Amino acid sequence: LQLRHTHRSRPQERVAQVMRFPKHQYIRSPALMKAYREIPCQHCGAEDGTVCGAHSNRGADGKGRSIKADDSSCAALCYRCHAELDQGSFLTRAEREAMHEAARIKTQRELIRRDMWPASVPTPEEETT
């Protein structure tokens, strides 16, 4: 737990408050974002030059207001799949989350298999341990 003092109280009257969640340490990696563009779409298999790292929209992955989730939680998706994930109306929210999660897992496995996962970025196994 982290403690924080209120800013409005006088120094002699400061009261410690417990922060509900520790501050998230975001993972940003240009090398990983480049690697996502070098493999096929992990949802439909397209290799049309539009594949990029599609960030997760889940708060559990670090997504916040005006803040993208960790680069390590992206899925390699083509323009069409990425647009359906972010703006699509054909899938429910649960279906979009399931689509991203399945593609994210396939993406991570493919990059690791191809030895394209940057050494400076923790692998999914390292993040959970």
C-alpha atoms as a PDB file:
ATOM      1  CA  LEU A   1       0.000   0.000   0.000  1.00  0.00           C
ATOM      2  CA  GLN A   2       1.122   3.518  -0.754  1.00  0.00           C
ATOM      3  CA  LEU A   3       0.295   6.440   1.507  1.00  0.00           C
ATOM      4  CA  ARG A   4      -0.469   9.908   0.278  1.00  0.00           C
ATOM      5  CA  HIS A   5      -1.033  13.161   2.134  1.00  0.00           C
ATOM      6  CA  THR A   6      -3.916  15.445   1.269  1.00  0.00           C
ATOM      7  CA  HIS A   7      -2.866  18.695  -0.379  1.00  0.00           C
ATOM      8  CA  ARG A   8      -5.553  20.853   1.188  1.00  0.00           C
ATOM      9  CA  SER A   9      -4.730  20.235   4.827  1.00  0.00           C
ATOM     10  CA  ARG A  10      -2.212  22.285   6.754  1.00  0.00           C
ATOM     11  CA  PRO A  11       1.186  20.637   7.243  1.00  0.00           C
ATOM     12  CA  GLN A  12       0.554  19.979  10.931  1.00  0.00           C
ATOM     13  CA  GLU A  13      -2.878  18.484  10.141  1.00  0.00           C
ATOM     14  CA  ARG A  14      -1.980  16.267   7.201  1.00  0.00           C
ATOM     15  CA  VAL A  15      -3.844  13.017   7.170  1.00  0.00           C
ATOM     16  CA  ALA A  16      -2.486   9.992   5.362  1.00  0.00           C
ATOM     17  CA  GLN A  17      -4.834   8.444   2.810  1.00  0.00           C
ATOM     18  CA  VAL A  18      -4.450   4.968   1.395  1.00  0.00           C
ATOM     19  CA  MET A  19      -4.226   4.844  -2.390  1.00  0.00           C
ATOM     20  CA  ARG A  20      -6.542   2.162  -3.709  1.00  0.00           C
ATOM     21  CA  PHE A  21      -4.193   0.973  -6.430  1.00  0.00           C
ATOM     22  CA  PRO A  22      -0.462   1.451  -6.869  1.00  0.00           C
ATOM     23  CA  LYS A  23       0.473   3.555  -9.900  1.00  0.00           C
ATOM     24  CA  HIS A  24       0.717   1.449 -13.062  1.00  0.00           C
ATOM     25  CA  GLN A  25       4.177   1.222 -14.634  1.00  0.00           C
ATOM     26  CA  TYR A  26       3.436   1.423 -18.377  1.00  0.00           C
ATOM     27  CA  ILE A  27       5.430  -0.603 -20.871  1.00  0.00           C
ATOM     28  CA  ARG A  28       6.344   1.411 -23.965  1.00  0.00           C
ATOM     29  CA  SER A  29       8.497  -0.191 -26.645  1.00  0.00           C
ATOM     30  CA  PRO A  30       9.011   1.160 -30.184  1.00  0.00           C
ATOM     31  CA  ALA A  31      10.795  -2.116 -31.042  1.00  0.00           C
ATOM     32  CA  LEU A  32       7.771  -4.167 -29.994  1.00  0.00           C
ATOM     33  CA  MET A  33       5.377  -1.878 -31.893  1.00  0.00           C
ATOM     34  CA  LYS A  34       7.563  -2.356 -35.004  1.00  0.00           C
ATOM     35  CA  ALA A  35       7.541  -6.144 -34.553  1.00  0.00           C
ATOM     36  CA  TYR A  36       3.720  -6.189 -34.544  1.00  0.00           C
ATOM     37  CA  ARG A  37       3.782  -4.696 -38.051  1.00  0.00           C
ATOM     38  CA  GLU A  38       6.020  -7.465 -39.340  1.00  0.00           C
ATOM     39  CA  ILE A  39       3.680 -10.427 -38.772  1.00  0.00           C
ATOM     40  CA  PRO A  40       0.264 -11.259 -40.291  1.00  0.00           C
ATOM     41  CA  CYS A  41      -3.001 -10.237 -38.663  1.00  0.00           C
ATOM     42  CA  GLN A  42      -3.523 -12.657 -35.810  1.00  0.00           C
ATOM     43  CA  HIS A  43      -7.301 -12.629 -36.253  1.00  0.00           C
ATOM     44  CA  CYS A  44      -7.884 -13.034 -40.008  1.00  0.00           C
ATOM     45  CA  GLY A  45      -4.355 -13.756 -41.318  1.00  0.00           C
ATOM     46  CA  ALA A  46      -4.168 -10.707 -43.623  1.00  0.00           C
ATOM     47  CA  GLU A  47      -0.731  -9.609 -44.805  1.00  0.00           C
ATOM     48  CA  ASP A  48      -1.862  -6.451 -46.564  1.00  0.00           C
ATOM     49  CA  GLY A  49       0.514  -3.865 -45.095  1.00  0.00           C
ATOM     50  CA  THR A  50      -2.069  -2.533 -42.628  1.00  0.00           C
ATOM     51  CA  VAL A  51      -1.155  -4.723 -39.648  1.00  0.00           C
ATOM     52  CA  CYS A  52      -0.218  -2.849 -36.490  1.00  0.00           C
ATOM     53  CA  GLY A  53      -0.276  -3.258 -32.717  1.00  0.00           C
ATOM     54  CA  ALA A  54      -3.872  -2.836 -31.519  1.00  0.00           C
ATOM     55  CA  HIS A  55      -3.824  -1.793 -27.866  1.00  0.00           C
ATOM     56  CA  SER A  56      -6.185  -3.436 -25.415  1.00  0.00           C
ATOM     57  CA  ASN A  57      -9.229  -1.447 -24.324  1.00  0.00           C
ATOM     58  CA  ARG A  58      -9.384  -3.143 -20.901  1.00  0.00           C
ATOM     59  CA  GLY A  59      -8.558  -1.247 -17.751  1.00  0.00           C
ATOM     60  CA  ALA A  60      -6.863  -4.371 -16.404  1.00  0.00           C
ATOM     61  CA  ASP A  61      -4.223  -3.939 -19.129  1.00  0.00           C
ATOM     62  CA  GLY A  62      -3.522  -0.347 -18.088  1.00  0.00           C
ATOM     63  CA  LYS A  63      -6.051   1.405 -20.351  1.00  0.00           C
ATOM     64  CA  GLY A  64      -7.253   4.669 -18.880  1.00  0.00           C
ATOM     65  CA  ARG A  65      -8.828   7.891 -20.002  1.00  0.00           C
ATOM     66  CA  SER A  66      -6.580   9.200 -22.789  1.00  0.00           C
ATOM     67  CA  ILE A  67      -3.943   6.576 -21.910  1.00  0.00           C
ATOM     68  CA  LYS A  68      -3.277   3.525 -24.051  1.00  0.00           C
ATOM     69  CA  ALA A  69      -2.727   0.150 -22.429  1.00  0.00           C
ATOM     70  CA  ASP A  70       0.738  -1.386 -22.272  1.00  0.00           C
ATOM     71  CA  ASP A  71       2.476  -2.019 -25.585  1.00  0.00           C
ATOM     72  CA  SER A  72       3.009  -5.607 -24.430  1.00  0.00           C
ATOM     73  CA  SER A  73      -0.752  -6.237 -24.382  1.00  0.00           C
ATOM     74  CA  CYS A  74      -1.296  -5.405 -28.063  1.00  0.00           C
ATOM     75  CA  ALA A  75      -2.598  -7.771 -30.714  1.00  0.00           C
ATOM     76  CA  ALA A  76      -1.239  -7.680 -34.273  1.00  0.00           C
ATOM     77  CA  LEU A  77      -4.368  -6.780 -36.269  1.00  0.00           C
ATOM     78  CA  CYS A  78      -5.013  -5.504 -39.796  1.00  0.00           C
ATOM     79  CA  TYR A  79      -6.952  -2.296 -40.420  1.00  0.00           C
ATOM     80  CA  ARG A  80     -10.321  -4.070 -40.811  1.00  0.00           C
ATOM     81  CA  CYS A  81     -10.012  -6.193 -37.666  1.00  0.00           C
ATOM     82  CA  HIS A  82      -8.637  -3.244 -35.673  1.00  0.00           C
ATOM     83  CA  ALA A  83     -11.534  -1.014 -36.782  1.00  0.00           C
ATOM     84  CA  GLU A  84     -14.080  -3.706 -35.888  1.00  0.00           C
ATOM     85  CA  LEU A  85     -12.445  -4.079 -32.499  1.00  0.00           C
ATOM     86  CA  ASP A  86     -12.468  -0.351 -31.705  1.00  0.00           C
ATOM     87  CA  GLN A  87     -15.523   1.012 -33.514  1.00  0.00           C
ATOM     88  CA  GLY A  88     -17.418  -2.021 -34.728  1.00  0.00           C
ATOM     89  CA  SER A  89     -21.104  -2.504 -34.139  1.00  0.00           C
ATOM     90  CA  PHE A  90     -21.328  -6.133 -35.246  1.00  0.00           C
ATOM     91  CA  LEU A  91     -19.820  -7.526 -32.042  1.00  0.00           C
ATOM     92  CA  THR A  92     -20.806  -7.103 -28.425  1.00  0.00           C
ATOM     93  CA  ARG A  93     -18.264  -5.700 -25.990  1.00  0.00           C
ATOM     94  CA  ALA A  94     -17.666  -9.202 -24.595  1.00  0.00           C
ATOM     95  CA  GLU A  95     -17.096 -10.544 -28.113  1.00  0.00           C
ATOM     96  CA  ARG A  96     -14.645  -7.717 -28.894  1.00  0.00           C
ATOM     97  CA  GLU A  97     -12.742  -8.402 -25.667  1.00  0.00           C
ATOM     98  CA  ALA A  98     -12.620 -12.130 -26.475  1.00  0.00           C
ATOM     99  CA  MET A  99     -11.443 -11.345 -30.033  1.00  0.00           C
ATOM    100  CA  HIS A 100      -8.620  -9.127 -28.743  1.00  0.00           C
ATOM    101  CA  GLU A 101      -7.575 -11.600 -26.050  1.00  0.00           C
ATOM    102  CA  ALA A 102      -7.353 -14.507 -28.526  1.00  0.00           C
ATOM    103  CA  ALA A 103      -5.402 -12.385 -31.027  1.00  0.00           C
ATOM    104  CA  ARG A 104      -3.141 -11.027 -28.255  1.00  0.00           C
ATOM    105  CA  ILE A 105      -2.193 -14.530 -27.124  1.00  0.00           C
ATOM    106  CA  LYS A 106      -1.530 -15.624 -30.730  1.00  0.00           C
ATOM    107  CA  THR A 107       0.520 -12.453 -31.313  1.00  0.00           C
ATOM    108  CA  GLN A 108       2.711 -12.981 -28.269  1.00  0.00           C
ATOM    109  CA  ARG A 109       3.311 -16.639 -29.126  1.00  0.00           C
ATOM    110  CA  GLU A 110       4.151 -15.776 -32.738  1.00  0.00           C
ATOM    111  CA  LEU A 111       6.623 -13.036 -31.820  1.00  0.00           C
ATOM    112  CA  ILE A 112       8.309 -15.274 -29.254  1.00  0.00           C
ATOM    113  CA  ARG A 113       8.398 -18.176 -31.734  1.00  0.00           C
ATOM    114  CA  ARG A 114      10.034 -15.933 -34.348  1.00  0.00           C
ATOM    115  CA  ASP A 115      12.453 -14.555 -31.719  1.00  0.00           C
ATOM    116  CA  MET A 116      11.090 -11.050 -32.360  1.00  0.00           C
ATOM    117  CA  TRP A 117      10.052 -10.222 -28.780  1.00  0.00           C
ATOM    118  CA  PRO A 118      12.457  -7.465 -27.599  1.00  0.00           C
ATOM    119  CA  ALA A 119      14.757  -8.541 -24.775  1.00  0.00           C
ATOM    120  CA  SER A 120      14.048  -5.249 -22.979  1.00  0.00           C
ATOM    121  CA  VAL A 121      10.323  -6.052 -22.663  1.00  0.00           C
ATOM    122  CA  PRO A 122       9.138  -8.632 -20.103  1.00  0.00           C
ATOM    123  CA  THR A 123       7.480 -11.606 -21.753  1.00  0.00           C
ATOM    124  CA  PRO A 124       3.935 -12.406 -20.640  1.00  0.00           C
ATOM    125  CA  GLU A 125       5.272 -15.203 -18.423  1.00  0.00           C
ATOM    126  CA  GLU A 126       7.682 -12.779 -16.689  1.00  0.00           C
ATOM    127  CA  GLU A 127       4.913 -10.220 -16.100  1.00  0.00           C
ATOM    128  CA  THR A 128       2.749 -12.687 -14.162  1.00  0.00           C
ATOM    129  CA  THR A 129       5.550 -14.023 -11.933  1.00  0.00           C
END
